[in-house]
Amino acid sequence: MASDQGLLNILRLIEVALSDPQVAADYQLATHLNKGAAAVKNGYLDSQCRNDYQQAINYFLMVNGFKVSPALIQLMSL
């Protein structure tokens, strides 16, 4: 389990990423991030969440290139 501060940092990054209209408009990516945010709020970030993030971000980069928000780029390292 990640530390409380780590979870808060992840949640903040997710919220910033979702505030990007390009991210919010991408249903698959936004769904993964919203599921992850719910998991973080419940106090955990398991390997499936990390896998969901990575798949969603890889998909987004493939479709949209590298025109992404800094917060989304930071999520790639989770």
PDB file of N, CA and C in Angstrom:
ATOM      1  N   MET A   1       0.849  -1.185   0.000  1.00  0.00           N
ATOM      2  CA  MET A   1       0.000   0.000   0.000  1.00  0.00           C
ATOM      3  C   MET A   1       0.887   1.239   0.000  1.00  0.00           C
ATOM      4  N   ALA A   2       0.526   2.208  -0.796  1.00  0.00           N
ATOM      5  CA  ALA A   2       1.284   3.449  -0.856  1.00  0.00           C
ATOM      6  C   ALA A   2       1.013   4.269   0.403  1.00  0.00           C
ATOM      7  N   SER A   3       1.928   5.182   0.693  1.00  0.00           N
ATOM      8  CA  SER A   3       1.732   6.052   1.849  1.00  0.00           C
ATOM      9  C   SER A   3       0.557   6.992   1.597  1.00  0.00           C
ATOM     10  N   ASP A   4       0.016   7.540   2.681  1.00  0.00           N
ATOM     11  CA  ASP A   4      -1.090   8.482   2.530  1.00  0.00           C
ATOM     12  C   ASP A   4      -0.689   9.665   1.661  1.00  0.00           C
ATOM     13  N   GLN A   5       0.528  10.179   1.863  1.00  0.00           N
ATOM     14  CA  GLN A   5       0.977  11.317   1.058  1.00  0.00           C
ATOM     15  C   GLN A   5       1.115  10.909  -0.403  1.00  0.00           C
ATOM     16  N   GLY A   6       1.618   9.698  -0.625  1.00  0.00           N
ATOM     17  CA  GLY A   6       1.742   9.201  -1.997  1.00  0.00           C
ATOM     18  C   GLY A   6       0.386   9.095  -2.676  1.00  0.00           C
ATOM     19  N   LEU A   7      -0.607   8.603  -1.940  1.00  0.00           N
ATOM     20  CA  LEU A   7      -1.955   8.495  -2.497  1.00  0.00           C
ATOM     21  C   LEU A   7      -2.529   9.869  -2.811  1.00  0.00           C
ATOM     22  N   LEU A   8      -2.301  10.829  -1.925  1.00  0.00           N
ATOM     23  CA  LEU A   8      -2.788  12.191  -2.178  1.00  0.00           C
ATOM     24  C   LEU A   8      -2.127  12.790  -3.409  1.00  0.00           C
ATOM     25  N   ASN A   9      -0.836  12.538  -3.572  1.00  0.00           N
ATOM     26  CA  ASN A   9      -0.132  13.049  -4.749  1.00  0.00           C
ATOM     27  C   ASN A   9      -0.685  12.433  -6.030  1.00  0.00           C
ATOM     28  N   ILE A  10      -0.944  11.127  -5.991  1.00  0.00           N
ATOM     29  CA  ILE A  10      -1.502  10.446  -7.158  1.00  0.00           C
ATOM     30  C   ILE A  10      -2.887  10.995  -7.473  1.00  0.00           C
ATOM     31  N   LEU A  11      -3.708  11.169  -6.443  1.00  0.00           N
ATOM     32  CA  LEU A  11      -5.052  11.698  -6.644  1.00  0.00           C
ATOM     33  C   LEU A  11      -4.994  13.099  -7.243  1.00  0.00           C
ATOM     34  N   ARG A  12      -4.096  13.920  -6.757  1.00  0.00           N
ATOM     35  CA  ARG A  12      -3.939  15.275  -7.292  1.00  0.00           C
ATOM     36  C   ARG A  12      -3.557  15.223  -8.772  1.00  0.00           C
ATOM     37  N   LEU A  13      -2.620  14.337  -9.128  1.00  0.00           N
ATOM     38  CA  LEU A  13      -2.215  14.201 -10.527  1.00  0.00           C
ATOM     39  C   LEU A  13      -3.381  13.747 -11.400  1.00  0.00           C
ATOM     40  N   ILE A  14      -4.164  12.793 -10.896  1.00  0.00           N
ATOM     41  CA  ILE A  14      -5.315  12.313 -11.661  1.00  0.00           C
ATOM     42  C   ILE A  14      -6.294  13.460 -11.891  1.00  0.00           C
ATOM     43  N   GLU A  15      -6.568  14.234 -10.848  1.00  0.00           N
ATOM     44  CA  GLU A  15      -7.518  15.340 -10.973  1.00  0.00           C
ATOM     45  C   GLU A  15      -7.028  16.385 -11.967  1.00  0.00           C
ATOM     46  N   VAL A  16      -5.727  16.675 -11.942  1.00  0.00           N
ATOM     47  CA  VAL A  16      -5.167  17.635 -12.896  1.00  0.00           C
ATOM     48  C   VAL A  16      -5.269  17.081 -14.314  1.00  0.00           C
ATOM     49  N   ALA A  17      -4.927  15.806 -14.477  1.00  0.00           N
ATOM     50  CA  ALA A  17      -5.005  15.201 -15.810  1.00  0.00           C
ATOM     51  C   ALA A  17      -6.439  15.233 -16.335  1.00  0.00           C
ATOM     52  N   LEU A  18      -7.406  14.921 -15.474  1.00  0.00           N
ATOM     53  CA  LEU A  18      -8.805  14.909 -15.902  1.00  0.00           C
ATOM     54  C   LEU A  18      -9.334  16.309 -16.186  1.00  0.00           C
ATOM     55  N   SER A  19      -8.680  17.338 -15.660  1.00  0.00           N
ATOM     56  CA  SER A  19      -9.110  18.706 -15.950  1.00  0.00           C
ATOM     57  C   SER A  19      -8.673  19.149 -17.344  1.00  0.00           C
ATOM     58  N   ASP A  20      -7.784  18.386 -17.974  1.00  0.00           N
ATOM     59  CA  ASP A  20      -7.355  18.668 -19.344  1.00  0.00           C
ATOM     60  C   ASP A  20      -8.483  18.227 -20.278  1.00  0.00           C
ATOM     61  N   PRO A  21      -9.063  19.140 -21.064  1.00  0.00           N
ATOM     62  CA  PRO A  21     -10.192  18.766 -21.931  1.00  0.00           C
ATOM     63  C   PRO A  21      -9.867  17.620 -22.886  1.00  0.00           C
ATOM     64  N   GLN A  22      -8.635  17.549 -23.339  1.00  0.00           N
ATOM     65  CA  GLN A  22      -8.238  16.483 -24.261  1.00  0.00           C
ATOM     66  C   GLN A  22      -8.294  15.123 -23.559  1.00  0.00           C
ATOM     67  N   VAL A  23      -7.900  15.090 -22.301  1.00  0.00           N
ATOM     68  CA  VAL A  23      -7.956  13.854 -21.523  1.00  0.00           C
ATOM     69  C   VAL A  23      -9.410  13.505 -21.209  1.00  0.00           C
ATOM     70  N   ALA A  24     -10.158  14.481 -20.742  1.00  0.00           N
ATOM     71  CA  ALA A  24     -11.549  14.240 -20.361  1.00  0.00           C
ATOM     72  C   ALA A  24     -12.389  13.777 -21.551  1.00  0.00           C
ATOM     73  N   ALA A  25     -12.035  14.217 -22.753  1.00  0.00           N
ATOM     74  CA  ALA A  25     -12.787  13.847 -23.949  1.00  0.00           C
ATOM     75  C   ALA A  25     -12.488  12.426 -24.414  1.00  0.00           C
ATOM     76  N   ASP A  26     -11.401  11.838 -23.915  1.00  0.00           N
ATOM     77  CA  ASP A  26     -11.028  10.483 -24.314  1.00  0.00           C
ATOM     78  C   ASP A  26     -11.681   9.504 -23.340  1.00  0.00           C
ATOM     79  N   TYR A  27     -12.766   8.871 -23.772  1.00  0.00           N
ATOM     80  CA  TYR A  27     -13.576   8.049 -22.866  1.00  0.00           C
ATOM     81  C   TYR A  27     -12.759   6.944 -22.200  1.00  0.00           C
ATOM     82  N   GLN A  28     -11.962   6.220 -22.984  1.00  0.00           N
ATOM     83  CA  GLN A  28     -11.207   5.092 -22.421  1.00  0.00           C
ATOM     84  C   GLN A  28     -10.225   5.570 -21.358  1.00  0.00           C
ATOM     85  N   LEU A  29      -9.491   6.611 -21.662  1.00  0.00           N
ATOM     86  CA  LEU A  29      -8.507   7.130 -20.717  1.00  0.00           C
ATOM     87  C   LEU A  29      -9.190   7.688 -19.475  1.00  0.00           C
ATOM     88  N   ALA A  30     -10.222   8.495 -19.674  1.00  0.00           N
ATOM     89  CA  ALA A  30     -10.918   9.096 -18.535  1.00  0.00           C
ATOM     90  C   ALA A  30     -11.525   8.026 -17.631  1.00  0.00           C
ATOM     91  N   THR A  31     -12.045   6.956 -18.228  1.00  0.00           N
ATOM     92  CA  THR A  31     -12.619   5.866 -17.438  1.00  0.00           C
ATOM     93  C   THR A  31     -11.560   5.219 -16.558  1.00  0.00           C
ATOM     94  N   HIS A  32     -10.405   4.910 -17.135  1.00  0.00           N
ATOM     95  CA  HIS A  32      -9.324   4.311 -16.354  1.00  0.00           C
ATOM     96  C   HIS A  32      -8.895   5.243 -15.220  1.00  0.00           C
ATOM     97  N   LEU A  33      -8.749   6.525 -15.522  1.00  0.00           N
ATOM     98  CA  LEU A  33      -8.296   7.470 -14.502  1.00  0.00           C
ATOM     99  C   LEU A  33      -9.339   7.639 -13.402  1.00  0.00           C
ATOM    100  N   ASN A  34     -10.612   7.679 -13.774  1.00  0.00           N
ATOM    101  CA  ASN A  34     -11.663   7.790 -12.759  1.00  0.00           C
ATOM    102  C   ASN A  34     -11.712   6.557 -11.868  1.00  0.00           C
ATOM    103  N   LYS A  35     -11.529   5.366 -12.454  1.00  0.00           N
ATOM    104  CA  LYS A  35     -11.476   4.140 -11.646  1.00  0.00           C
ATOM    105  C   LYS A  35     -10.284   4.197 -10.694  1.00  0.00           C
ATOM    106  N   GLY A  36      -9.177   4.682 -11.202  1.00  0.00           N
ATOM    107  CA  GLY A  36      -7.991   4.803 -10.360  1.00  0.00           C
ATOM    108  C   GLY A  36      -8.204   5.787  -9.230  1.00  0.00           C
ATOM    109  N   ALA A  37      -8.864   6.905  -9.527  1.00  0.00           N
ATOM    110  CA  ALA A  37      -9.138   7.900  -8.490  1.00  0.00           C
ATOM    111  C   ALA A  37     -10.016   7.298  -7.396  1.00  0.00           C
ATOM    112  N   ALA A  38     -11.003   6.504  -7.788  1.00  0.00           N
ATOM    113  CA  ALA A  38     -11.868   5.859  -6.797  1.00  0.00           C
ATOM    114  C   ALA A  38     -11.059   4.901  -5.927  1.00  0.00           C
ATOM    115  N   ALA A  39     -10.148   4.154  -6.548  1.00  0.00           N
ATOM    116  CA  ALA A  39      -9.307   3.229  -5.782  1.00  0.00           C
ATOM    117  C   ALA A  39      -8.425   3.984  -4.799  1.00  0.00           C
ATOM    118  N   VAL A  40      -7.839   5.080  -5.267  1.00  0.00           N
ATOM    119  CA  VAL A  40      -6.974   5.882  -4.397  1.00  0.00           C
ATOM    120  C   VAL A  40      -7.774   6.429  -3.220  1.00  0.00           C
ATOM    121  N   LYS A  41      -8.981   6.917  -3.476  1.00  0.00           N
ATOM    122  CA  LYS A  41      -9.814   7.452  -2.398  1.00  0.00           C
ATOM    123  C   LYS A  41     -10.170   6.376  -1.380  1.00  0.00           C
ATOM    124  N   ASN A  42     -10.199   5.113  -1.833  1.00  0.00           N
ATOM    125  CA  ASN A  42     -10.461   3.995  -0.919  1.00  0.00           C
ATOM    126  C   ASN A  42      -9.196   3.500  -0.241  1.00  0.00           C
ATOM    127  N   GLY A  43      -8.061   4.129  -0.530  1.00  0.00           N
ATOM    128  CA  GLY A  43      -6.836   3.842   0.206  1.00  0.00           C
ATOM    129  C   GLY A  43      -5.901   2.830  -0.400  1.00  0.00           C
ATOM    130  N   TYR A  44      -6.067   2.510  -1.657  1.00  0.00           N
ATOM    131  CA  TYR A  44      -5.120   1.566  -2.239  1.00  0.00           C
ATOM    132  C   TYR A  44      -4.858   1.883  -3.708  1.00  0.00           C
ATOM    133  N   LEU A  45      -3.732   1.416  -4.176  1.00  0.00           N
ATOM    134  CA  LEU A  45      -3.380   1.509  -5.590  1.00  0.00           C
ATOM    135  C   LEU A  45      -2.657   0.206  -5.911  1.00  0.00           C
ATOM    136  N   ASP A  46      -3.407  -0.773  -6.362  1.00  0.00           N
ATOM    137  CA  ASP A  46      -2.817  -2.091  -6.590  1.00  0.00           C
ATOM    138  C   ASP A  46      -2.215  -2.206  -7.986  1.00  0.00           C
ATOM    139  N   SER A  47      -1.638  -3.363  -8.263  1.00  0.00           N
ATOM    140  CA  SER A  47      -0.962  -3.549  -9.545  1.00  0.00           C
ATOM    141  C   SER A  47      -1.937  -3.462 -10.712  1.00  0.00           C
ATOM    142  N   GLN A  48      -3.195  -3.843 -10.508  1.00  0.00           N
ATOM    143  CA  GLN A  48      -4.174  -3.730 -11.589  1.00  0.00           C
ATOM    144  C   GLN A  48      -4.428  -2.263 -11.917  1.00  0.00           C
ATOM    145  N   CYS A  49      -4.507  -1.407 -10.910  1.00  0.00           N
ATOM    146  CA  CYS A  49      -4.662   0.027 -11.163  1.00  0.00           C
ATOM    147  C   CYS A  49      -3.478   0.552 -11.962  1.00  0.00           C
ATOM    148  N   ARG A  50      -2.283   0.172 -11.541  1.00  0.00           N
ATOM    149  CA  ARG A  50      -1.087   0.619 -12.257  1.00  0.00           C
ATOM    150  C   ARG A  50      -1.120   0.139 -13.703  1.00  0.00           C
ATOM    151  N   ASN A  51      -1.553  -1.093 -13.907  1.00  0.00           N
ATOM    152  CA  ASN A  51      -1.647  -1.636 -15.256  1.00  0.00           C
ATOM    153  C   ASN A  51      -2.691  -0.870 -16.066  1.00  0.00           C
ATOM    154  N   ASP A  52      -3.827  -0.554 -15.447  1.00  0.00           N
ATOM    155  CA  ASP A  52      -4.858   0.228 -16.129  1.00  0.00           C
ATOM    156  C   ASP A  52      -4.321   1.586 -16.551  1.00  0.00           C
ATOM    157  N   TYR A  53      -3.592   2.246 -15.636  1.00  0.00           N
ATOM    158  CA  TYR A  53      -3.007   3.539 -15.982  1.00  0.00           C
ATOM    159  C   TYR A  53      -2.102   3.407 -17.193  1.00  0.00           C
ATOM    160  N   GLN A  54      -1.200   2.426 -17.138  1.00  0.00           N
ATOM    161  CA  GLN A  54      -0.214   2.296 -18.205  1.00  0.00           C
ATOM    162  C   GLN A  54      -0.892   2.001 -19.538  1.00  0.00           C
ATOM    163  N   GLN A  55      -1.880   1.118 -19.543  1.00  0.00           N
ATOM    164  CA  GLN A  55      -2.598   0.814 -20.780  1.00  0.00           C
ATOM    165  C   GLN A  55      -3.321   2.047 -21.304  1.00  0.00           C
ATOM    166  N   ALA A  56      -3.982   2.768 -20.425  1.00  0.00           N
ATOM    167  CA  ALA A  56      -4.718   3.956 -20.839  1.00  0.00           C
ATOM    168  C   ALA A  56      -3.776   5.012 -21.391  1.00  0.00           C
ATOM    169  N   ILE A  57      -2.665   5.225 -20.715  1.00  0.00           N
ATOM    170  CA  ILE A  57      -1.725   6.249 -21.154  1.00  0.00           C
ATOM    171  C   ILE A  57      -1.064   5.849 -22.466  1.00  0.00           C
ATOM    172  N   ASN A  58      -0.687   4.581 -22.606  1.00  0.00           N
ATOM    173  CA  ASN A  58      -0.110   4.118 -23.869  1.00  0.00           C
ATOM    174  C   ASN A  58      -1.088   4.314 -25.022  1.00  0.00           C
ATOM    175  N   TYR A  59      -2.354   4.000 -24.784  1.00  0.00           N
ATOM    176  CA  TYR A  59      -3.388   4.189 -25.802  1.00  0.00           C
ATOM    177  C   TYR A  59      -3.504   5.667 -26.174  1.00  0.00           C
ATOM    178  N   PHE A  60      -3.540   6.519 -25.159  1.00  0.00           N
ATOM    179  CA  PHE A  60      -3.678   7.954 -25.400  1.00  0.00           C
ATOM    180  C   PHE A  60      -2.508   8.489 -26.219  1.00  0.00           C
ATOM    181  N   LEU A  61      -1.293   8.078 -25.857  1.00  0.00           N
ATOM    182  CA  LEU A  61      -0.115   8.543 -26.585  1.00  0.00           C
ATOM    183  C   LEU A  61      -0.127   8.039 -28.022  1.00  0.00           C
ATOM    184  N   MET A  62      -0.557   6.806 -28.239  1.00  0.00           N
ATOM    185  CA  MET A  62      -0.604   6.242 -29.579  1.00  0.00           C
ATOM    186  C   MET A  62      -1.585   7.031 -30.453  1.00  0.00           C
ATOM    187  N   VAL A  63      -2.738   7.367 -29.892  1.00  0.00           N
ATOM    188  CA  VAL A  63      -3.774   8.046 -30.659  1.00  0.00           C
ATOM    189  C   VAL A  63      -3.475   9.535 -30.824  1.00  0.00           C
ATOM    190  N   ASN A  64      -2.971  10.159 -29.770  1.00  0.00           N
ATOM    191  CA  ASN A  64      -2.851  11.617 -29.755  1.00  0.00           C
ATOM    192  C   ASN A  64      -1.428  12.143 -29.835  1.00  0.00           C
ATOM    193  N   GLY A  65      -0.459  11.259 -29.938  1.00  0.00           N
ATOM    194  CA  GLY A  65       0.916  11.729 -29.952  1.00  0.00           C
ATOM    195  C   GLY A  65       1.319  12.215 -28.578  1.00  0.00           C
ATOM    196  N   PHE A  66       2.290  13.105 -28.541  1.00  0.00           N
ATOM    197  CA  PHE A  66       2.836  13.532 -27.254  1.00  0.00           C
ATOM    198  C   PHE A  66       2.310  14.890 -26.815  1.00  0.00           C
ATOM    199  N   LYS A  67       1.161  15.291 -27.341  1.00  0.00           N
ATOM    200  CA  LYS A  67       0.544  16.548 -26.924  1.00  0.00           C
ATOM    201  C   LYS A  67      -0.329  16.272 -25.708  1.00  0.00           C
ATOM    202  N   VAL A  68       0.319  16.064 -24.580  1.00  0.00           N
ATOM    203  CA  VAL A  68      -0.407  15.715 -23.356  1.00  0.00           C
ATOM    204  C   VAL A  68      -0.006  16.662 -22.237  1.00  0.00           C
ATOM    205  N   SER A  69      -0.824  16.687 -21.216  1.00  0.00           N
ATOM    206  CA  SER A  69      -0.546  17.571 -20.088  1.00  0.00           C
ATOM    207  C   SER A  69       0.624  17.039 -19.260  1.00  0.00           C
ATOM    208  N   PRO A  70       1.348  17.922 -18.581  1.00  0.00           N
ATOM    209  CA  PRO A  70       2.437  17.478 -17.699  1.00  0.00           C
ATOM    210  C   PRO A  70       1.962  16.491 -16.637  1.00  0.00           C
ATOM    211  N   ALA A  71       0.758  16.676 -16.116  1.00  0.00           N
ATOM    212  CA  ALA A  71       0.254  15.755 -15.097  1.00  0.00           C
ATOM    213  C   ALA A  71       0.077  14.352 -15.667  1.00  0.00           C
ATOM    214  N   LEU A  72      -0.393  14.263 -16.897  1.00  0.00           N
ATOM    215  CA  LEU A  72      -0.563  12.946 -17.506  1.00  0.00           C
ATOM    216  C   LEU A  72       0.790  12.287 -17.731  1.00  0.00           C
ATOM    217  N   ILE A  73       1.766  13.060 -18.134  1.00  0.00           N
ATOM    218  CA  ILE A  73       3.112  12.512 -18.313  1.00  0.00           C
ATOM    219  C   ILE A  73       3.633  11.983 -16.979  1.00  0.00           C
ATOM    220  N   GLN A  74       3.390  12.702 -15.882  1.00  0.00           N
ATOM    221  CA  GLN A  74       3.834  12.239 -14.564  1.00  0.00           C
ATOM    222  C   GLN A  74       3.162  10.930 -14.177  1.00  0.00           C
ATOM    223  N   LEU A  75       1.919  10.731 -14.594  1.00  0.00           N
ATOM    224  CA  LEU A  75       1.214   9.497 -14.257  1.00  0.00           C
ATOM    225  C   LEU A  75       1.889   8.278 -14.883  1.00  0.00           C
ATOM    226  N   MET A  76       2.626   8.471 -15.967  1.00  0.00           N
ATOM    227  CA  MET A  76       3.279   7.344 -16.628  1.00  0.00           C
ATOM    228  C   MET A  76       4.306   6.679 -15.730  1.00  0.00           C
ATOM    229  N   SER A  77       4.815   7.400 -14.748  1.00  0.00           N
ATOM    230  CA  SER A  77       5.859   6.833 -13.898  1.00  0.00           C
ATOM    231  C   SER A  77       5.305   6.112 -12.670  1.00  0.00           C
ATOM    232  N   LEU A  78       3.995   6.060 -12.504  1.00  0.00           N
ATOM    233  CA  LEU A  78       3.403   5.394 -11.335  1.00  0.00           C
ATOM    234  C   LEU A  78       3.623   3.897 -11.384  1.00  0.00           C
TER     235      LEU A  78
END
